[in-house]
C-alpha atoms as a PDB file:
ATOM      1  CA  MET A   1      81.222  64.695 237.840  1.00  0.00           C
ATOM      2  CA  THR A   2      77.957  63.143 239.047  1.00  0.00           C
ATOM      3  CA  THR A   3      78.441  64.777 242.443  1.00  0.00           C
ATOM      4  CA  LEU A   4      78.993  68.179 240.846  1.00  0.00           C
ATOM      5  CA  VAL A   5      75.905  67.874 238.634  1.00  0.00           C
ATOM      6  CA  THR A   6      73.829  66.775 241.612  1.00  0.00           C
ATOM      7  CA  THR A   7      75.084  69.724 243.672  1.00  0.00           C
ATOM      8  CA  VAL A   8      74.140  72.231 240.964  1.00  0.00           C
ATOM      9  CA  THR A   9      70.740  70.751 240.117  1.00  0.00           C
ATOM     10  CA  GLU A  10      69.682  70.142 243.701  1.00  0.00           C
ATOM     11  CA  THR A  11      70.734  73.672 244.681  1.00  0.00           C
ATOM     12  CA  LEU A  12      68.408  75.027 241.994  1.00  0.00           C
ATOM     13  CA  ARG A  13      65.558  72.656 242.854  1.00  0.00           C
ATOM     14  CA  TYR A  14      65.735  72.831 246.623  1.00  0.00           C
ATOM     15  CA  ARG A  15      63.747  75.688 248.114  1.00  0.00           C
ATOM     16  CA  GLY A  16      65.797  76.078 251.249  1.00  0.00           C
ATOM     17  CA  LYS A  17      65.887  78.807 253.820  1.00  0.00           C
ATOM     18  CA  LEU A  18      68.248  81.749 254.097  1.00  0.00           C
ATOM     19  CA  GLY A  19      71.249  79.624 255.053  1.00  0.00           C
ATOM     20  CA  GLN A  20      71.026  77.593 251.842  1.00  0.00           C
ATOM     21  CA  TRP A  21      70.846  80.697 249.685  1.00  0.00           C
ATOM     22  CA  SER A  22      73.787  82.208 251.552  1.00  0.00           C
ATOM     23  CA  TRP A  23      75.734  79.028 250.804  1.00  0.00           C
ATOM     24  CA  ALA A  24      74.860  79.206 247.097  1.00  0.00           C
ATOM     25  CA  LEU A  25      75.523  82.947 246.762  1.00  0.00           C
ATOM     26  CA  HIS A  26      78.869  82.621 248.526  1.00  0.00           C
ATOM     27  CA  ARG A  27      80.021  80.144 245.903  1.00  0.00           C
ATOM     28  CA  ILE A  28      78.548  82.056 242.960  1.00  0.00           C
ATOM     29  CA  SER A  29      80.103  85.338 244.098  1.00  0.00           C
ATOM     30  CA  GLY A  30      83.403  83.567 244.696  1.00  0.00           C
ATOM     31  CA  LEU A  31      83.408  82.065 241.200  1.00  0.00           C
ATOM     32  CA  GLY A  32      82.545  85.447 239.689  1.00  0.00           C
ATOM     33  CA  THR A  33      85.447  87.058 241.513  1.00  0.00           C
ATOM     34  CA  LEU A  34      87.789  84.232 240.471  1.00  0.00           C
ATOM     35  CA  LEU A  35      86.807  84.680 236.818  1.00  0.00           C
ATOM     36  CA  PHE A  36      87.711  88.357 236.983  1.00  0.00           C
ATOM     37  CA  LEU A  37      90.948  87.507 238.788  1.00  0.00           C
ATOM     38  CA  ILE A  38      92.050  85.244 235.945  1.00  0.00           C
ATOM     39  CA  LEU A  39      91.363  87.985 233.402  1.00  0.00           C
ATOM     40  CA  HIS A  40      93.002  90.645 235.559  1.00  0.00           C
ATOM     41  CA  VAL A  41      96.199  88.689 236.236  1.00  0.00           C
ATOM     42  CA  ILE A  42      96.702  87.985 232.551  1.00  0.00           C
ATOM     43  CA  ASP A  43      95.991  91.467 231.251  1.00  0.00           C
ATOM     44  CA  THR A  44      97.963  93.231 234.003  1.00  0.00           C
ATOM     45  CA  SER A  45     101.023  91.174 233.074  1.00  0.00           C
ATOM     46  CA  TRP A  46     100.671  92.671 229.597  1.00  0.00           C
ATOM     47  CA  ALA A  47     101.427  96.111 231.072  1.00  0.00           C
ATOM     48  CA  ALA A  48     105.018  94.948 231.518  1.00  0.00           C
ATOM     49  CA  PHE A  49     105.450  92.577 228.571  1.00  0.00           C
ATOM     50  CA  TYR A  50     102.896  93.612 225.914  1.00  0.00           C
ATOM     51  CA  PRO A  51     101.990  97.300 226.446  1.00  0.00           C
ATOM     52  CA  ASP A  52      99.862  97.568 223.297  1.00  0.00           C
ATOM     53  CA  LEU A  53      97.747  94.582 224.312  1.00  0.00           C
ATOM     54  CA  TYR A  54      97.245  96.108 227.749  1.00  0.00           C
ATOM     55  CA  GLU A  55      96.009  99.357 226.208  1.00  0.00           C
ATOM     56  CA  ASP A  56      93.526  97.343 224.116  1.00  0.00           C
ATOM     57  CA  ALA A  57      92.365  95.436 227.196  1.00  0.00           C
ATOM     58  CA  ILE A  58      91.698  98.640 229.165  1.00  0.00           C
ATOM     59  CA  ARG A  59      89.828 100.065 226.169  1.00  0.00           C
ATOM     60  CA  GLN A  60      87.555  97.026 226.247  1.00  0.00           C
ATOM     61  CA  TYR A  61      87.053  97.316 230.000  1.00  0.00           C
ATOM     62  CA  GLN A  62      85.767 100.850 229.457  1.00  0.00           C
ATOM     63  CA  SER A  63      83.025  99.627 227.112  1.00  0.00           C
ATOM     64  CA  PRO A  64      79.367  99.472 228.261  1.00  0.00           C
ATOM     65  CA  LEU A  65      79.449  95.662 228.457  1.00  0.00           C
ATOM     66  CA  PHE A  66      82.363  95.601 230.883  1.00  0.00           C
ATOM     67  CA  THR A  67      81.003  98.610 232.748  1.00  0.00           C
ATOM     68  CA  ILE A  68      77.962  96.519 233.659  1.00  0.00           C
ATOM     69  CA  GLY A  69      80.326  93.713 234.598  1.00  0.00           C
ATOM     70  CA  GLU A  70      82.232  96.081 236.885  1.00  0.00           C
ATOM     71  CA  PHE A  71      79.103  96.685 238.956  1.00  0.00           C
ATOM     72  CA  ALA A  72      78.475  92.928 239.149  1.00  0.00           C
ATOM     73  CA  LEU A  73      82.090  92.355 240.196  1.00  0.00           C
ATOM     74  CA  VAL A  74      81.904  94.900 243.025  1.00  0.00           C
ATOM     75  CA  ALA A  75      78.647  93.324 244.240  1.00  0.00           C
ATOM     76  CA  CYS A  76      80.240  89.853 244.205  1.00  0.00           C
ATOM     77  CA  VAL A  77      83.324  91.027 246.094  1.00  0.00           C
ATOM     78  CA  VAL A  78      81.381  92.920 248.772  1.00  0.00           C
ATOM     79  CA  TYR A  79      78.906  90.103 249.436  1.00  0.00           C
ATOM     80  CA  HIS A  80      81.596  87.406 249.386  1.00  0.00           C
ATOM     81  CA  ALA A  81      83.715  89.442 251.817  1.00  0.00           C
ATOM     82  CA  PHE A  82      80.929  90.071 254.322  1.00  0.00           C
ATOM     83  CA  ASN A  83      79.613  86.522 254.165  1.00  0.00           C
ATOM     84  CA  GLY A  84      83.145  85.177 254.507  1.00  0.00           C
ATOM     85  CA  LEU A  85      83.609  87.233 257.666  1.00  0.00           C
ATOM     86  CA  ARG A  86      80.335  85.781 258.966  1.00  0.00           C
ATOM     87  CA  ILE A  87      81.625  82.253 258.378  1.00  0.00           C
ATOM     88  CA  ILE A  88      84.984  83.039 260.008  1.00  0.00           C
ATOM     89  CA  LEU A  89      83.320  84.575 263.054  1.00  0.00           C
ATOM     90  CA  LEU A  90      80.917  81.678 263.546  1.00  0.00           C
ATOM     91  CA  ASP A  91      83.714  79.143 263.077  1.00  0.00           C
ATOM     92  CA  TYR A  92      85.697  80.997 265.748  1.00  0.00           C
ATOM     93  CA  LYS A  93      82.683  80.974 268.055  1.00  0.00           C
ATOM     94  CA  PRO A  94      80.735  77.757 267.282  1.00  0.00           C
ATOM     95  CA  SER A  95      78.229  78.555 270.026  1.00  0.00           C
ATOM     96  CA  TRP A  96      77.070  81.514 267.915  1.00  0.00           C
ATOM     97  CA  TRP A  97      75.833  79.289 265.084  1.00  0.00           C
ATOM     98  CA  VAL A  98      72.391  79.438 266.681  1.00  0.00           C
ATOM     99  CA  TYR A  99      72.332  83.035 265.425  1.00  0.00           C
ATOM    100  CA  GLN A 100      73.409  82.152 261.888  1.00  0.00           C
ATOM    101  CA  ARG A 101      70.067  83.109 260.332  1.00  0.00           C
ATOM    102  CA  ARG A 102      70.243  86.544 261.939  1.00  0.00           C
ATOM    103  CA  ALA A 103      73.887  86.852 260.877  1.00  0.00           C
ATOM    104  CA  ALA A 104      73.015  85.927 257.275  1.00  0.00           C
ATOM    105  CA  THR A 105      70.336  88.623 257.259  1.00  0.00           C
ATOM    106  CA  LEU A 106      72.842  91.178 258.564  1.00  0.00           C
ATOM    107  CA  VAL A 107      75.213  90.218 255.734  1.00  0.00           C
ATOM    108  CA  PHE A 108      72.551  91.003 253.133  1.00  0.00           C
ATOM    109  CA  VAL A 109      71.711  94.294 254.850  1.00  0.00           C
ATOM    110  CA  ALA A 110      75.380  95.297 255.163  1.00  0.00           C
ATOM    111  CA  THR A 111      75.949  94.453 251.497  1.00  0.00           C
ATOM    112  CA  ILE A 112      73.071  96.684 250.393  1.00  0.00           C
ATOM    113  CA  VAL A 113      74.154  99.522 252.719  1.00  0.00           C
ATOM    114  CA  VAL A 114      77.690  99.469 251.302  1.00  0.00           C
ATOM    115  CA  LEU A 115      76.692  98.979 247.661  1.00  0.00           C
ATOM    116  CA  ALA A 116      74.132 101.798 247.544  1.00  0.00           C
ATOM    117  CA  PRO A 117      76.589 104.721 247.958  1.00  0.00           C
ATOM    118  CA  THR A 118      79.334 102.804 246.157  1.00  0.00           C
ATOM    119  CA  PHE A 119      77.182 102.334 243.060  1.00  0.00           C
ATOM    120  CA  ALA A 120      76.092 105.978 243.216  1.00  0.00           C
ATOM    121  CA  LEU A 121      79.718 107.148 243.098  1.00  0.00           C
ATOM    122  CA  MET A 122      80.569 104.639 240.362  1.00  0.00           C
ATOM    123  CA  VAL A 123      77.646 105.853 238.249  1.00  0.00           C
ATOM    124  CA  GLY A 124      79.076 109.363 238.540  1.00  0.00           C
ATOM    125  CA  HIS A 125      82.391 108.169 237.072  1.00  0.00           C
ATOM    126  CA  VAL A 126      80.543 106.361 234.278  1.00  0.00           C
ATOM    127  CA  LEU A 127      78.470 109.403 233.304  1.00  0.00           C
ATOM    128  CA  ASP A 128      81.504 111.699 233.353  1.00  0.00           C
ATOM    129  CA  PHE A 129      83.385 109.332 231.062  1.00  0.00           C
ATOM    130  CA  TYR A 130      80.603 108.777 228.520  1.00  0.00           C
ATOM    131  CA  ASP A 131      79.799 112.491 228.384  1.00  0.00           C
ATOM    132  CA  GLU A 132      83.152 112.943 226.646  1.00  0.00           C
ATOM    133  CA  ASP A 133      82.077 110.661 223.755  1.00  0.00           C
ATOM    134  CA  PRO A 134      85.089 108.322 224.078  1.00  0.00           C
ATOM    135  CA  ASP A 135      86.358 105.872 221.479  1.00  0.00           C
ATOM    136  CA  LEU A 136      84.903 102.556 222.657  1.00  0.00           C
ATOM    137  CA  ALA A 137      85.673  98.985 221.673  1.00  0.00           C
ATOM    138  CA  GLY A 138      82.998  97.337 219.525  1.00  0.00           C
ATOM    139  CA  LEU A 139      81.101  94.237 220.597  1.00  0.00           C
ATOM    140  CA  ASP A 140      82.690  92.113 217.859  1.00  0.00           C
ATOM    141  CA  GLU A 141      86.165  93.140 219.021  1.00  0.00           C
ATOM    142  CA  ILE A 142      85.311  92.320 222.626  1.00  0.00           C
ATOM    143  CA  ILE A 143      83.918  88.893 221.730  1.00  0.00           C
ATOM    144  CA  GLU A 144      86.959  88.051 219.619  1.00  0.00           C
ATOM    145  CA  ILE A 145      89.425  88.861 222.397  1.00  0.00           C
ATOM    146  CA  GLN A 146      87.437  87.590 225.378  1.00  0.00           C
ATOM    147  CA  ALA A 147      86.725  84.268 223.670  1.00  0.00           C
ATOM    148  CA  GLN A 148      90.376  83.446 224.269  1.00  0.00           C
ATOM    149  CA  PHE A 149      89.965  84.105 227.995  1.00  0.00           C
ATOM    150  CA  ALA A 150      86.751  82.073 228.057  1.00  0.00           C
ATOM    151  CA  ALA A 151      88.565  79.133 226.479  1.00  0.00           C
ATOM    152  CA  GLY A 152      91.300  79.399 229.089  1.00  0.00           C
ATOM    153  CA  PHE A 153      88.764  79.492 231.917  1.00  0.00           C
ATOM    154  CA  VAL A 154      87.033  76.392 230.533  1.00  0.00           C
ATOM    155  CA  VAL A 155      90.393  74.608 230.470  1.00  0.00           C
ATOM    156  CA  ILE A 156      90.964  75.528 234.131  1.00  0.00           C
ATOM    157  CA  VAL A 157      87.515  74.276 235.179  1.00  0.00           C
ATOM    158  CA  VAL A 158      87.912  71.031 233.214  1.00  0.00           C
ATOM    159  CA  ALA A 159      91.348  70.500 234.758  1.00  0.00           C
ATOM    160  CA  ALA A 160      89.902  71.109 238.235  1.00  0.00           C
ATOM    161  CA  LEU A 161      87.128  68.580 237.590  1.00  0.00           C
ATOM    162  CA  ALA A 162      89.602  66.022 236.248  1.00  0.00           C
ATOM    163  CA  LEU A 163      91.955  66.425 239.209  1.00  0.00           C
ATOM    164  CA  SER A 164      89.055  66.228 241.644  1.00  0.00           C
ATOM    165  CA  ALA A 165      87.780  63.031 239.997  1.00  0.00           C
ATOM    166  CA  LEU A 166      91.280  61.527 239.971  1.00  0.00           C
ATOM    167  CA  TYR A 167      91.792  62.405 243.620  1.00  0.00           C
ATOM    168  CA  GLY A 168      88.445  60.824 244.461  1.00  0.00           C
ATOM    169  CA  LEU A 169      89.363  57.598 242.667  1.00  0.00           C
ATOM    170  CA  LEU A 170      92.781  57.368 244.306  1.00  0.00           C
ATOM    171  CA  THR A 171      91.514  58.051 247.826  1.00  0.00           C
ATOM    172  CA  ARG A 172      88.186  56.243 247.584  1.00  0.00           C
ATOM    173  CA  ASP A 173      87.338  53.902 250.424  1.00  0.00           C
ATOM    174  CA  ASP A 174      84.333  52.663 252.410  1.00  0.00           C
ATOM    175  CA  ARG A 175      85.434  53.787 255.848  1.00  0.00           C
ATOM    176  CA  GLY A 176      82.987  56.683 255.943  1.00  0.00           C
ATOM    177  CA  PHE A 177      83.784  60.034 257.491  1.00  0.00           C
ATOM    178  CA  GLU A 178      87.355  60.641 258.577  1.00  0.00           C
ATOM    179  CA  VAL A 179      88.941  63.532 260.397  1.00  0.00           C
ATOM    180  CA  PRO A 180      90.719  65.774 257.829  1.00  0.00           C
ATOM    181  CA  GLY A 181      94.487  65.457 257.701  1.00  0.00           C
ATOM    182  CA  ARG A 182      97.104  68.092 258.442  1.00  0.00           C
ATOM    183  CA  LEU A 183      97.022  69.498 254.890  1.00  0.00           C
ATOM    184  CA  GLU A 184      93.259  70.008 254.910  1.00  0.00           C
ATOM    185  CA  SER A 185      93.408  71.564 258.361  1.00  0.00           C
ATOM    186  CA  THR A 186      96.155  73.928 257.218  1.00  0.00           C
ATOM    187  CA  LEU A 187      94.159  74.945 254.139  1.00  0.00           C
ATOM    188  CA  TRP A 188      91.062  75.461 256.277  1.00  0.00           C
ATOM    189  CA  SER A 189      93.017  77.792 258.564  1.00  0.00           C
ATOM    190  CA  PHE A 190      94.583  79.548 255.578  1.00  0.00           C
ATOM    191  CA  MET A 191      91.173  80.258 254.050  1.00  0.00           C
ATOM    192  CA  ARG A 192      90.082  81.974 257.266  1.00  0.00           C
ATOM    193  CA  LEU A 193      93.300  83.929 257.850  1.00  0.00           C
ATOM    194  CA  SER A 194      93.694  84.931 254.206  1.00  0.00           C
ATOM    195  CA  GLY A 195      90.028  85.934 254.112  1.00  0.00           C
ATOM    196  CA  VAL A 196      90.549  88.468 256.906  1.00  0.00           C
ATOM    197  CA  LEU A 197      93.635  89.901 255.180  1.00  0.00           C
ATOM    198  CA  ILE A 198      92.042  89.946 251.725  1.00  0.00           C
ATOM    199  CA  VAL A 199      88.982  91.870 252.941  1.00  0.00           C
ATOM    200  CA  GLN A 200      91.199  94.741 254.085  1.00  0.00           C
ATOM    201  CA  LEU A 201      93.333  94.749 250.930  1.00  0.00           C
ATOM    202  CA  ILE A 202      90.507  94.293 248.435  1.00  0.00           C
ATOM    203  CA  PHE A 203      88.317  96.969 250.010  1.00  0.00           C
ATOM    204  CA  GLY A 204      91.248  99.363 249.765  1.00  0.00           C
ATOM    205  CA  GLN A 205      91.696  98.406 246.117  1.00  0.00           C
ATOM    206  CA  LEU A 206      88.000  98.866 245.352  1.00  0.00           C
ATOM    207  CA  ALA A 207      87.949 102.236 247.095  1.00  0.00           C
ATOM    208  CA  MET A 208      90.945 103.502 245.113  1.00  0.00           C
ATOM    209  CA  MET A 209      90.167 102.056 241.679  1.00  0.00           C
ATOM    210  CA  HIS A 210      86.363 102.036 241.578  1.00  0.00           C
ATOM    211  CA  VAL A 211      85.062 104.674 244.005  1.00  0.00           C
ATOM    212  CA  ILE A 212      87.534 107.497 244.680  1.00  0.00           C
ATOM    213  CA  SER A 213      89.044 107.132 241.226  1.00  0.00           C
ATOM    214  CA  GLY A 214      87.065 105.298 238.550  1.00  0.00           C
ATOM    215  CA  VAL A 215      88.574 102.735 236.205  1.00  0.00           C
ATOM    216  CA  PHE A 216      88.124 105.312 233.458  1.00  0.00           C
ATOM    217  CA  ASP A 217      90.753 107.519 235.111  1.00  0.00           C
ATOM    218  CA  ILE A 218      93.400 104.956 234.169  1.00  0.00           C
ATOM    219  CA  THR A 219      93.520 106.618 230.764  1.00  0.00           C
ATOM    220  CA  GLY A 220      92.910 110.141 232.045  1.00  0.00           C
ATOM    221  CA  ASP A 221      95.228 112.574 230.266  1.00  0.00           C
ATOM    222  CA  GLY A 222      96.957 114.863 232.781  1.00  0.00           C
ATOM    223  CA  MET A 223      95.288 113.258 235.807  1.00  0.00           C
ATOM    224  CA  THR A 224      97.102 112.380 239.026  1.00  0.00           C
ATOM    225  CA  VAL A 225      97.612 108.634 239.397  1.00  0.00           C
ATOM    226  CA  ILE A 226      95.676 107.451 242.456  1.00  0.00           C
ATOM    227  CA  GLY A 227      97.935 106.706 245.413  1.00  0.00           C
ATOM    228  CA  THR A 228     100.814 108.776 244.018  1.00  0.00           C
ATOM    229  CA  ASP A 229     101.770 112.373 243.330  1.00  0.00           C
ATOM    230  CA  ILE A 230     102.603 111.540 239.707  1.00  0.00           C
ATOM    231  CA  THR A 231     100.672 112.907 236.733  1.00  0.00           C
ATOM    232  CA  ASN A 232      99.731 110.634 233.841  1.00  0.00           C
ATOM    233  CA  GLU A 233     100.979 112.937 231.097  1.00  0.00           C
ATOM    234  CA  SER A 234     100.305 110.587 228.178  1.00  0.00           C
ATOM    235  CA  GLY A 235      96.883 109.351 229.286  1.00  0.00           C
ATOM    236  CA  LYS A 236      97.999 105.767 228.680  1.00  0.00           C
ATOM    237  CA  ALA A 237      97.095 102.863 230.929  1.00  0.00           C
ATOM    238  CA  VAL A 238     100.669 101.573 230.856  1.00  0.00           C
ATOM    239  CA  GLU A 239     101.966 104.855 232.286  1.00  0.00           C
ATOM    240  CA  PHE A 240      99.295 104.692 235.008  1.00  0.00           C
ATOM    241  CA  VAL A 241     100.436 101.223 236.111  1.00  0.00           C
ATOM    242  CA  GLY A 242     104.104 102.154 235.855  1.00  0.00           C
ATOM    243  CA  ALA A 243     103.613 105.255 238.003  1.00  0.00           C
ATOM    244  CA  ARG A 244     101.929 103.235 240.748  1.00  0.00           C
ATOM    245  CA  TRP A 245     104.525 100.474 240.722  1.00  0.00           C
ATOM    246  CA  ASP A 246     107.421 102.957 240.711  1.00  0.00           C
ATOM    247  CA  MET A 247     106.029 104.981 243.619  1.00  0.00           C
ATOM    248  CA  LEU A 248     108.552 104.806 246.483  1.00  0.00           C
ATOM    249  CA  VAL A 249     107.953 105.541 250.161  1.00  0.00           C
ATOM    250  CA  ALA A 250     111.191 105.484 252.171  1.00  0.00           C
ATOM    251  CA  GLY A 251     112.736 103.609 249.263  1.00  0.00           C
ATOM    252  CA  VAL A 252     110.016 100.936 249.241  1.00  0.00           C
ATOM    253  CA  ALA A 253     107.760 100.305 246.227  1.00  0.00           C
ATOM    254  CA  ILE A 254     104.642 100.121 248.376  1.00  0.00           C
ATOM    255  CA  TRP A 255     102.118  99.535 245.587  1.00  0.00           C
ATOM    256  CA  ARG A 256     104.139  96.663 244.134  1.00  0.00           C
ATOM    257  CA  ILE A 257     104.124  95.026 247.556  1.00  0.00           C
ATOM    258  CA  TYR A 258     100.422  95.809 248.024  1.00  0.00           C
ATOM    259  CA  ASP A 259      99.432  94.400 244.631  1.00  0.00           C
ATOM    260  CA  GLY A 260     101.763  91.409 244.969  1.00  0.00           C
ATOM    261  CA  LEU A 261     100.457  90.469 248.417  1.00  0.00           C
ATOM    262  CA  LEU A 262      96.850  90.874 247.312  1.00  0.00           C
ATOM    263  CA  LEU A 263      97.481  88.811 244.187  1.00  0.00           C
ATOM    264  CA  ALA A 264      99.220  85.969 246.045  1.00  0.00           C
ATOM    265  CA  LEU A 265      96.532  85.713 248.717  1.00  0.00           C
ATOM    266  CA  VAL A 266      93.620  85.946 246.289  1.00  0.00           C
ATOM    267  CA  VAL A 267      95.069  83.404 243.827  1.00  0.00           C
ATOM    268  CA  ILE A 268      95.611  80.729 246.484  1.00  0.00           C
ATOM    269  CA  HIS A 269      92.340  81.560 248.248  1.00  0.00           C
ATOM    270  CA  GLY A 270      90.401  81.582 244.979  1.00  0.00           C
ATOM    271  CA  LEU A 271      91.809  78.366 243.538  1.00  0.00           C
ATOM    272  CA  ASN A 272      91.357  76.515 246.821  1.00  0.00           C
ATOM    273  CA  GLY A 273      87.814  77.871 246.945  1.00  0.00           C
ATOM    274  CA  LEU A 274      87.276  76.490 243.436  1.00  0.00           C
ATOM    275  CA  ARG A 275      88.438  73.113 244.744  1.00  0.00           C
ATOM    276  CA  TYR A 276      85.847  73.308 247.509  1.00  0.00           C
ATOM    277  CA  VAL A 277      83.125  74.137 244.973  1.00  0.00           C
ATOM    278  CA  VAL A 278      84.110  71.220 242.748  1.00  0.00           C
ATOM    279  CA  ASN A 279      84.259  68.822 245.708  1.00  0.00           C
ATOM    280  CA  ASP A 280      80.845  70.013 246.922  1.00  0.00           C
END
């Protein structure tokens, strides 16, 4: 716990150069993405088991509060992806670390270049939706429901801290630095490989669900479900999800495989990243 507190406070106090801020932003953006992932995994499961709860969740996501959060989420994902690719590339070519400051600058520039048109298109979806004077969830309703998710996230963080502390006590010794074992080496390699795969999958997901088709189209009455040739006749979020998951190409439910692969990679990548943050 002391190590974690020191890491947080010293990060805020230390006025480092670009590399230090890239380090901090990579972890902050990763934690922001992980928080959304936890919410998204839980509420998407409701589409199959608790349809009414899923409809309520989507209604909350279409509120102004979550709309602002959507922009923050996209910014976190884009920066984390580009900076992760920078880390992977420099790890692959250690001799290029002398250019890490220039690479970090390019990451910031690339993030801004991608976010500018992305946000412009997202704003268009937002304005189109609110022009129709939709029925929005109230702030009190949002707080009541999301407090449950917040409690769950706190439990996860506390559990991660406890496990990290326990691991530190069990493995504590005075031998100084040691070469990481096979498990740590495997996880290190997984983080790099999964990062490359996730970037491709998550950018495709963002393009479909946030740029080409806004999140508000999930409840669009009579609209074609993105990635399919099926029309959402009822305008319900559950029908939208069902249409995507039931879409077959040569007998294969491609969107189930796509979502399942993305979910598996991001969950393991995200939770292992949380372990790195705690251990830092």
